[in-house]
Amino acid sequence: MGPIDDDKADLSSADRTAGREGDAPEDPRKGGARIQTYTWILITAWNLAIVISLGWNLYQARQEIQAMALTTARINFDKDLLYRR
């Protein structure tokens, strides 16, 4: 056995497993990219929820204003009819 063979014999099983072709160690930056992706998804979902809530509240406010205006118009119309009689 030569000096190259002695080096391979001293490697632990974990070192030998990591050294095989195709089994490159996982890039630690991928975890950060995954967290960043999830963060952007969460931010987008939160903003979408706020926009939907705002739209719904504006719609409800408009409906209520129209209902109050219609009620006020009917009351004034009925008052005018009653006055003219």
PDB file of N, CA and C in Angstrom:
ATOM      1  N   MET A   1       0.826  -1.178   0.000  1.00  0.00           N
ATOM      2  CA  MET A   1       0.000   0.000   0.000  1.00  0.00           C
ATOM      3  C   MET A   1       0.869   1.239   0.000  1.00  0.00           C
ATOM      4  N   GLY A   2       0.471   2.209  -0.837  1.00  0.00           N
ATOM      5  CA  GLY A   2       1.220   3.444  -0.904  1.00  0.00           C
ATOM      6  C   GLY A   2       0.613   4.494   0.009  1.00  0.00           C
ATOM      7  N   PRO A   3       1.207   5.667   0.046  1.00  0.00           N
ATOM      8  CA  PRO A   3       0.706   6.723   0.913  1.00  0.00           C
ATOM      9  C   PRO A   3      -0.721   7.170   0.561  1.00  0.00           C
ATOM     10  N   ILE A   4      -1.126   7.049  -0.694  1.00  0.00           N
ATOM     11  CA  ILE A   4      -2.480   7.458  -1.084  1.00  0.00           C
ATOM     12  C   ILE A   4      -3.498   6.499  -0.496  1.00  0.00           C
ATOM     13  N   ASP A   5      -3.205   5.210  -0.525  1.00  0.00           N
ATOM     14  CA  ASP A   5      -4.120   4.214   0.007  1.00  0.00           C
ATOM     15  C   ASP A   5      -4.258   4.342   1.522  1.00  0.00           C
ATOM     16  N   ASP A   6      -3.190   4.734   2.210  1.00  0.00           N
ATOM     17  CA  ASP A   6      -3.240   4.892   3.662  1.00  0.00           C
ATOM     18  C   ASP A   6      -4.178   6.039   4.040  1.00  0.00           C
ATOM     19  N   ASP A   7      -4.194   7.099   3.248  1.00  0.00           N
ATOM     20  CA  ASP A   7      -5.076   8.229   3.543  1.00  0.00           C
ATOM     21  C   ASP A   7      -6.543   7.816   3.438  1.00  0.00           C
ATOM     22  N   LYS A   8      -6.872   7.003   2.457  1.00  0.00           N
ATOM     23  CA  LYS A   8      -8.252   6.568   2.285  1.00  0.00           C
ATOM     24  C   LYS A   8      -8.679   5.648   3.426  1.00  0.00           C
ATOM     25  N   ALA A   9      -7.792   4.894   3.939  1.00  0.00           N
ATOM     26  CA  ALA A   9      -8.119   3.975   5.020  1.00  0.00           C
ATOM     27  C   ALA A   9      -8.404   4.725   6.310  1.00  0.00           C
ATOM     28  N   ASP A  10      -7.843   5.923   6.499  1.00  0.00           N
ATOM     29  CA  ASP A  10      -8.031   6.683   7.727  1.00  0.00           C
ATOM     30  C   ASP A  10      -9.324   7.505   7.731  1.00  0.00           C
ATOM     31  N   LEU A  11     -10.014   7.587   6.614  1.00  0.00           N
ATOM     32  CA  LEU A  11     -11.226   8.393   6.550  1.00  0.00           C
ATOM     33  C   LEU A  11     -12.356   7.704   7.306  1.00  0.00           C
ATOM     34  N   SER A  12     -13.129   8.478   7.991  1.00  0.00           N
ATOM     35  CA  SER A  12     -14.296   7.918   8.666  1.00  0.00           C
ATOM     36  C   SER A  12     -15.377   7.647   7.625  1.00  0.00           C
ATOM     37  N   SER A  13     -16.402   6.925   8.002  1.00  0.00           N
ATOM     38  CA  SER A  13     -17.461   6.587   7.048  1.00  0.00           C
ATOM     39  C   SER A  13     -18.198   7.842   6.589  1.00  0.00           C
ATOM     40  N   ALA A  14     -18.339   8.835   7.447  1.00  0.00           N
ATOM     41  CA  ALA A  14     -19.008  10.078   7.064  1.00  0.00           C
ATOM     42  C   ALA A  14     -18.184  10.820   6.019  1.00  0.00           C
ATOM     43  N   ASP A  15     -16.868  10.828   6.180  1.00  0.00           N
ATOM     44  CA  ASP A  15     -16.009  11.492   5.206  1.00  0.00           C
ATOM     45  C   ASP A  15     -16.074  10.774   3.864  1.00  0.00           C
ATOM     46  N   ARG A  16     -16.114   9.459   3.907  1.00  0.00           N
ATOM     47  CA  ARG A  16     -16.191   8.711   2.658  1.00  0.00           C
ATOM     48  C   ARG A  16     -17.529   8.935   1.970  1.00  0.00           C
ATOM     49  N   THR A  17     -18.605   9.027   2.740  1.00  0.00           N
ATOM     50  CA  THR A  17     -19.927   9.248   2.161  1.00  0.00           C
ATOM     51  C   THR A  17     -19.998  10.621   1.522  1.00  0.00           C
ATOM     52  N   ALA A  18     -19.480  11.630   2.191  1.00  0.00           N
ATOM     53  CA  ALA A  18     -19.521  12.996   1.661  1.00  0.00           C
ATOM     54  C   ALA A  18     -18.614  13.142   0.452  1.00  0.00           C
ATOM     55  N   GLY A  19     -17.611  12.306   0.327  1.00  0.00           N
ATOM     56  CA  GLY A  19     -16.653  12.439  -0.752  1.00  0.00           C
ATOM     57  C   GLY A  19     -17.064  11.751  -2.032  1.00  0.00           C
ATOM     58  N   ARG A  20     -18.162  11.005  -2.031  1.00  0.00           N
ATOM     59  CA  ARG A  20     -18.597  10.320  -3.249  1.00  0.00           C
ATOM     60  C   ARG A  20     -19.113  11.312  -4.268  1.00  0.00           C
ATOM     61  N   GLU A  21     -18.959  10.960  -5.522  1.00  0.00           N
ATOM     62  CA  GLU A  21     -19.448  11.826  -6.580  1.00  0.00           C
ATOM     63  C   GLU A  21     -20.969  11.871  -6.543  1.00  0.00           C
ATOM     64  N   GLY A  22     -21.555  13.056  -6.802  1.00  0.00           N
ATOM     65  CA  GLY A  22     -22.989  13.200  -6.813  1.00  0.00           C
ATOM     66  C   GLY A  22     -23.577  13.471  -5.439  1.00  0.00           C
ATOM     67  N   ASP A  23     -22.847  13.244  -4.385  1.00  0.00           N
ATOM     68  CA  ASP A  23     -23.324  13.493  -3.033  1.00  0.00           C
ATOM     69  C   ASP A  23     -22.629  14.714  -2.453  1.00  0.00           C
ATOM     70  N   ALA A  24     -22.712  15.812  -3.164  1.00  0.00           N
ATOM     71  CA  ALA A  24     -22.076  17.033  -2.674  1.00  0.00           C
ATOM     72  C   ALA A  24     -22.805  17.499  -1.415  1.00  0.00           C
ATOM     73  N   PRO A  25     -22.078  18.046  -0.472  1.00  0.00           N
ATOM     74  CA  PRO A  25     -22.741  18.544   0.730  1.00  0.00           C
ATOM     75  C   PRO A  25     -23.736  19.646   0.369  1.00  0.00           C
ATOM     76  N   GLU A  26     -24.821  19.728   1.142  1.00  0.00           N
ATOM     77  CA  GLU A  26     -25.868  20.704   0.857  1.00  0.00           C
ATOM     78  C   GLU A  26     -25.350  22.114   1.077  1.00  0.00           C
ATOM     79  N   ASP A  27     -25.702  22.974   0.170  1.00  0.00           N
ATOM     80  CA  ASP A  27     -25.285  24.376   0.233  1.00  0.00           C
ATOM     81  C   ASP A  27     -26.051  25.067   1.361  1.00  0.00           C
ATOM     82  N   PRO A  28     -25.367  25.633   2.352  1.00  0.00           N
ATOM     83  CA  PRO A  28     -26.075  26.264   3.464  1.00  0.00           C
ATOM     84  C   PRO A  28     -26.857  27.500   3.044  1.00  0.00           C
ATOM     85  N   ARG A  29     -26.548  28.078   1.892  1.00  0.00           N
ATOM     86  CA  ARG A  29     -27.276  29.257   1.417  1.00  0.00           C
ATOM     87  C   ARG A  29     -28.677  28.902   0.947  1.00  0.00           C
ATOM     88  N   LYS A  30     -28.932  27.642   0.603  1.00  0.00           N
ATOM     89  CA  LYS A  30     -30.252  27.231   0.138  1.00  0.00           C
ATOM     90  C   LYS A  30     -31.286  27.372   1.245  1.00  0.00           C
ATOM     91  N   GLY A  31     -30.916  27.094   2.466  1.00  0.00           N
ATOM     92  CA  GLY A  31     -31.834  27.244   3.582  1.00  0.00           C
ATOM     93  C   GLY A  31     -32.255  28.688   3.754  1.00  0.00           C
ATOM     94  N   GLY A  32     -31.311  29.597   3.605  1.00  0.00           N
ATOM     95  CA  GLY A  32     -31.624  31.015   3.698  1.00  0.00           C
ATOM     96  C   GLY A  32     -32.526  31.464   2.566  1.00  0.00           C
ATOM     97  N   ALA A  33     -32.314  30.913   1.375  1.00  0.00           N
ATOM     98  CA  ALA A  33     -33.161  31.260   0.230  1.00  0.00           C
ATOM     99  C   ALA A  33     -34.572  30.745   0.449  1.00  0.00           C
ATOM    100  N   ARG A  34     -34.684  29.576   1.056  1.00  0.00           N
ATOM    101  CA  ARG A  34     -36.005  29.014   1.338  1.00  0.00           C
ATOM    102  C   ARG A  34     -36.740  29.878   2.347  1.00  0.00           C
ATOM    103  N   ILE A  35     -36.049  30.310   3.378  1.00  0.00           N
ATOM    104  CA  ILE A  35     -36.665  31.178   4.384  1.00  0.00           C
ATOM    105  C   ILE A  35     -37.065  32.499   3.744  1.00  0.00           C
ATOM    106  N   GLN A  36     -36.213  33.039   2.878  1.00  0.00           N
ATOM    107  CA  GLN A  36     -36.525  34.297   2.202  1.00  0.00           C
ATOM    108  C   GLN A  36     -37.755  34.125   1.308  1.00  0.00           C
ATOM    109  N   THR A  37     -37.872  32.994   0.628  1.00  0.00           N
ATOM    110  CA  THR A  37     -39.042  32.730  -0.216  1.00  0.00           C
ATOM    111  C   THR A  37     -40.301  32.669   0.634  1.00  0.00           C
ATOM    112  N   TYR A  38     -40.246  31.937   1.739  1.00  0.00           N
ATOM    113  CA  TYR A  38     -41.407  31.848   2.624  1.00  0.00           C
ATOM    114  C   TYR A  38     -41.765  33.209   3.211  1.00  0.00           C
ATOM    115  N   THR A  39     -40.754  34.015   3.504  1.00  0.00           N
ATOM    116  CA  THR A  39     -41.010  35.348   4.038  1.00  0.00           C
ATOM    117  C   THR A  39     -41.747  36.200   3.010  1.00  0.00           C
ATOM    118  N   TRP A  40     -41.325  36.156   1.753  1.00  0.00           N
ATOM    119  CA  TRP A  40     -41.991  36.934   0.713  1.00  0.00           C
ATOM    120  C   TRP A  40     -43.403  36.428   0.475  1.00  0.00           C
ATOM    121  N   ILE A  41     -43.603  35.125   0.545  1.00  0.00           N
ATOM    122  CA  ILE A  41     -44.949  34.572   0.391  1.00  0.00           C
ATOM    123  C   ILE A  41     -45.841  35.061   1.525  1.00  0.00           C
ATOM    124  N   LEU A  42     -45.317  35.044   2.745  1.00  0.00           N
ATOM    125  CA  LEU A  42     -46.080  35.509   3.899  1.00  0.00           C
ATOM    126  C   LEU A  42     -46.403  37.000   3.783  1.00  0.00           C
ATOM    127  N   ILE A  43     -45.433  37.802   3.379  1.00  0.00           N
ATOM    128  CA  ILE A  43     -45.670  39.242   3.210  1.00  0.00           C
ATOM    129  C   ILE A  43     -46.727  39.488   2.137  1.00  0.00           C
ATOM    130  N   THR A  44     -46.642  38.764   1.037  1.00  0.00           N
ATOM    131  CA  THR A  44     -47.608  38.919  -0.042  1.00  0.00           C
ATOM    132  C   THR A  44     -49.007  38.514   0.417  1.00  0.00           C
ATOM    133  N   ALA A  45     -49.109  37.402   1.132  1.00  0.00           N
ATOM    134  CA  ALA A  45     -50.407  36.948   1.627  1.00  0.00           C
ATOM    135  C   ALA A  45     -50.996  37.957   2.612  1.00  0.00           C
ATOM    136  N   TRP A  46     -50.160  38.496   3.490  1.00  0.00           N
ATOM    137  CA  TRP A  46     -50.630  39.488   4.467  1.00  0.00           C
ATOM    138  C   TRP A  46     -51.138  40.742   3.756  1.00  0.00           C
ATOM    139  N   ASN A  47     -50.379  41.234   2.785  1.00  0.00           N
ATOM    140  CA  ASN A  47     -50.798  42.423   2.039  1.00  0.00           C
ATOM    141  C   ASN A  47     -52.082  42.164   1.256  1.00  0.00           C
ATOM    142  N   LEU A  48     -52.209  40.975   0.694  1.00  0.00           N
ATOM    143  CA  LEU A  48     -53.420  40.618  -0.031  1.00  0.00           C
ATOM    144  C   LEU A  48     -54.620  40.600   0.918  1.00  0.00           C
ATOM    145  N   ALA A  49     -54.437  40.066   2.115  1.00  0.00           N
ATOM    146  CA  ALA A  49     -55.517  40.054   3.104  1.00  0.00           C
ATOM    147  C   ALA A  49     -55.913  41.480   3.488  1.00  0.00           C
ATOM    148  N   ILE A  50     -54.950  42.359   3.643  1.00  0.00           N
ATOM    149  CA  ILE A  50     -55.248  43.754   3.993  1.00  0.00           C
ATOM    150  C   ILE A  50     -55.992  44.442   2.857  1.00  0.00           C
ATOM    151  N   VAL A  51     -55.576  44.221   1.625  1.00  0.00           N
ATOM    152  CA  VAL A  51     -56.237  44.851   0.473  1.00  0.00           C
ATOM    153  C   VAL A  51     -57.670  44.338   0.336  1.00  0.00           C
ATOM    154  N   ILE A  52     -57.868  43.032   0.519  1.00  0.00           N
ATOM    155  CA  ILE A  52     -59.222  42.474   0.446  1.00  0.00           C
ATOM    156  C   ILE A  52     -60.093  43.049   1.559  1.00  0.00           C
ATOM    157  N   SER A  53     -59.546  43.152   2.756  1.00  0.00           N
ATOM    158  CA  SER A  53     -60.291  43.723   3.873  1.00  0.00           C
ATOM    159  C   SER A  53     -60.656  45.184   3.607  1.00  0.00           C
ATOM    160  N   LEU A  54     -59.717  45.944   3.081  1.00  0.00           N
ATOM    161  CA  LEU A  54     -59.976  47.342   2.753  1.00  0.00           C
ATOM    162  C   LEU A  54     -61.076  47.456   1.704  1.00  0.00           C
ATOM    163  N   GLY A  55     -60.981  46.651   0.663  1.00  0.00           N
ATOM    164  CA  GLY A  55     -62.004  46.674  -0.387  1.00  0.00           C
ATOM    165  C   GLY A  55     -63.381  46.324   0.156  1.00  0.00           C
ATOM    166  N   TRP A  56     -63.445  45.301   1.005  1.00  0.00           N
ATOM    167  CA  TRP A  56     -64.726  44.901   1.586  1.00  0.00           C
ATOM    168  C   TRP A  56     -65.288  46.010   2.474  1.00  0.00           C
ATOM    169  N   ASN A  57     -64.451  46.638   3.285  1.00  0.00           N
ATOM    170  CA  ASN A  57     -64.913  47.720   4.155  1.00  0.00           C
ATOM    171  C   ASN A  57     -65.395  48.919   3.355  1.00  0.00           C
ATOM    172  N   LEU A  58     -64.700  49.259   2.274  1.00  0.00           N
ATOM    173  CA  LEU A  58     -65.145  50.361   1.418  1.00  0.00           C
ATOM    174  C   LEU A  58     -66.487  50.032   0.758  1.00  0.00           C
ATOM    175  N   TYR A  59     -66.642  48.798   0.318  1.00  0.00           N
ATOM    176  CA  TYR A  59     -67.899  48.362  -0.284  1.00  0.00           C
ATOM    177  C   TYR A  59     -69.038  48.471   0.733  1.00  0.00           C
ATOM    178  N   GLN A  60     -68.800  47.981   1.958  1.00  0.00           N
ATOM    179  CA  GLN A  60     -69.835  48.036   2.999  1.00  0.00           C
ATOM    180  C   GLN A  60     -70.186  49.483   3.347  1.00  0.00           C
ATOM    181  N   ALA A  61     -69.184  50.346   3.448  1.00  0.00           N
ATOM    182  CA  ALA A  61     -69.430  51.753   3.771  1.00  0.00           C
ATOM    183  C   ALA A  61     -70.268  52.409   2.680  1.00  0.00           C
ATOM    184  N   ARG A  62     -69.952  52.112   1.425  1.00  0.00           N
ATOM    185  CA  ARG A  62     -70.721  52.689   0.313  1.00  0.00           C
ATOM    186  C   ARG A  62     -72.166  52.211   0.349  1.00  0.00           C
ATOM    187  N   GLN A  63     -72.365  50.933   0.624  1.00  0.00           N
ATOM    188  CA  GLN A  63     -73.723  50.394   0.711  1.00  0.00           C
ATOM    189  C   GLN A  63     -74.507  51.068   1.836  1.00  0.00           C
ATOM    190  N   GLU A  64     -73.870  51.267   2.973  1.00  0.00           N
ATOM    191  CA  GLU A  64     -74.536  51.901   4.106  1.00  0.00           C
ATOM    192  C   GLU A  64     -74.863  53.368   3.812  1.00  0.00           C
ATOM    193  N   ILE A  65     -73.955  54.067   3.167  1.00  0.00           N
ATOM    194  CA  ILE A  65     -74.211  55.470   2.799  1.00  0.00           C
ATOM    195  C   ILE A  65     -75.390  55.556   1.833  1.00  0.00           C
ATOM    196  N   GLN A  66     -75.437  54.656   0.854  1.00  0.00           N
ATOM    197  CA  GLN A  66     -76.552  54.658  -0.090  1.00  0.00           C
ATOM    198  C   GLN A  66     -77.866  54.339   0.606  1.00  0.00           C
ATOM    199  N   ALA A  67     -77.850  53.412   1.543  1.00  0.00           N
ATOM    200  CA  ALA A  67     -79.065  53.061   2.289  1.00  0.00           C
ATOM    201  C   ALA A  67     -79.535  54.246   3.134  1.00  0.00           C
ATOM    202  N   MET A  68     -78.619  54.942   3.787  1.00  0.00           N
ATOM    203  CA  MET A  68     -78.992  56.115   4.593  1.00  0.00           C
ATOM    204  C   MET A  68     -79.525  57.227   3.701  1.00  0.00           C
ATOM    205  N   ALA A  69     -78.918  57.444   2.545  1.00  0.00           N
ATOM    206  CA  ALA A  69     -79.393  58.482   1.626  1.00  0.00           C
ATOM    207  C   ALA A  69     -80.791  58.151   1.119  1.00  0.00           C
ATOM    208  N   LEU A  70     -81.041  56.888   0.796  1.00  0.00           N
ATOM    209  CA  LEU A  70     -82.365  56.475   0.334  1.00  0.00           C
ATOM    210  C   LEU A  70     -83.408  56.667   1.432  1.00  0.00           C
ATOM    211  N   THR A  71     -83.063  56.291   2.657  1.00  0.00           N
ATOM    212  CA  THR A  71     -83.981  56.468   3.786  1.00  0.00           C
ATOM    213  C   THR A  71     -84.283  57.948   4.014  1.00  0.00           C
ATOM    214  N   THR A  72     -83.257  58.785   3.969  1.00  0.00           N
ATOM    215  CA  THR A  72     -83.441  60.227   4.155  1.00  0.00           C
ATOM    216  C   THR A  72     -84.306  60.811   3.043  1.00  0.00           C
ATOM    217  N   ALA A  73     -84.085  60.382   1.806  1.00  0.00           N
ATOM    218  CA  ALA A  73     -84.881  60.868   0.684  1.00  0.00           C
ATOM    219  C   ALA A  73     -86.340  60.459   0.841  1.00  0.00           C
ATOM    220  N   ARG A  74     -86.592  59.238   1.266  1.00  0.00           N
ATOM    221  CA  ARG A  74     -87.970  58.776   1.469  1.00  0.00           C
ATOM    222  C   ARG A  74     -88.657  59.561   2.588  1.00  0.00           C
ATOM    223  N   ILE A  75     -87.918  59.787   3.669  1.00  0.00           N
ATOM    224  CA  ILE A  75     -88.478  60.549   4.786  1.00  0.00           C
ATOM    225  C   ILE A  75     -88.843  61.967   4.331  1.00  0.00           C
ATOM    226  N   ASN A  76     -87.945  62.622   3.605  1.00  0.00           N
ATOM    227  CA  ASN A  76     -88.218  63.977   3.112  1.00  0.00           C
ATOM    228  C   ASN A  76     -89.381  63.995   2.114  1.00  0.00           C
ATOM    229  N   PHE A  77     -89.425  62.989   1.247  1.00  0.00           N
ATOM    230  CA  PHE A  77     -90.525  62.913   0.278  1.00  0.00           C
ATOM    231  C   PHE A  77     -91.857  62.735   0.998  1.00  0.00           C
ATOM    232  N   ASP A  78     -91.903  61.809   1.964  1.00  0.00           N
ATOM    233  CA  ASP A  78     -93.130  61.583   2.740  1.00  0.00           C
ATOM    234  C   ASP A  78     -93.520  62.842   3.515  1.00  0.00           C
ATOM    235  N   LYS A  79     -92.549  63.558   4.054  1.00  0.00           N
ATOM    236  CA  LYS A  79     -92.825  64.808   4.795  1.00  0.00           C
ATOM    237  C   LYS A  79     -93.435  65.850   3.859  1.00  0.00           C
ATOM    238  N   ASP A  80     -92.884  65.971   2.646  1.00  0.00           N
ATOM    239  CA  ASP A  80     -93.402  66.935   1.684  1.00  0.00           C
ATOM    240  C   ASP A  80     -94.835  66.577   1.260  1.00  0.00           C
ATOM    241  N   LEU A  81     -95.090  65.280   1.040  1.00  0.00           N
ATOM    242  CA  LEU A  81     -96.456  64.854   0.672  1.00  0.00           C
ATOM    243  C   LEU A  81     -97.427  65.165   1.808  1.00  0.00           C
ATOM    244  N   LEU A  82     -97.009  64.910   3.028  1.00  0.00           N
ATOM    245  CA  LEU A  82     -97.860  65.157   4.182  1.00  0.00           C
ATOM    246  C   LEU A  82     -98.120  66.651   4.332  1.00  0.00           C
ATOM    247  N   TYR A  83     -97.166  67.480   4.091  1.00  0.00           N
ATOM    248  CA  TYR A  83     -97.313  68.931   4.199  1.00  0.00           C
ATOM    249  C   TYR A  83     -98.275  69.462   3.145  1.00  0.00           C
ATOM    250  N   ARG A  84     -98.212  68.923   1.927  1.00  0.00           N
ATOM    251  CA  ARG A  84     -99.049  69.407   0.839  1.00  0.00           C
ATOM    252  C   ARG A  84    -100.508  68.959   0.991  1.00  0.00           C
ATOM    253  N   ARG A  85    -100.751  67.905   1.707  1.00  0.00           N
ATOM    254  CA  ARG A  85    -102.124  67.437   1.919  1.00  0.00           C
ATOM    255  C   ARG A  85    -102.773  68.369   2.890  1.00  0.00           C
TER     256      ARG A  85
END
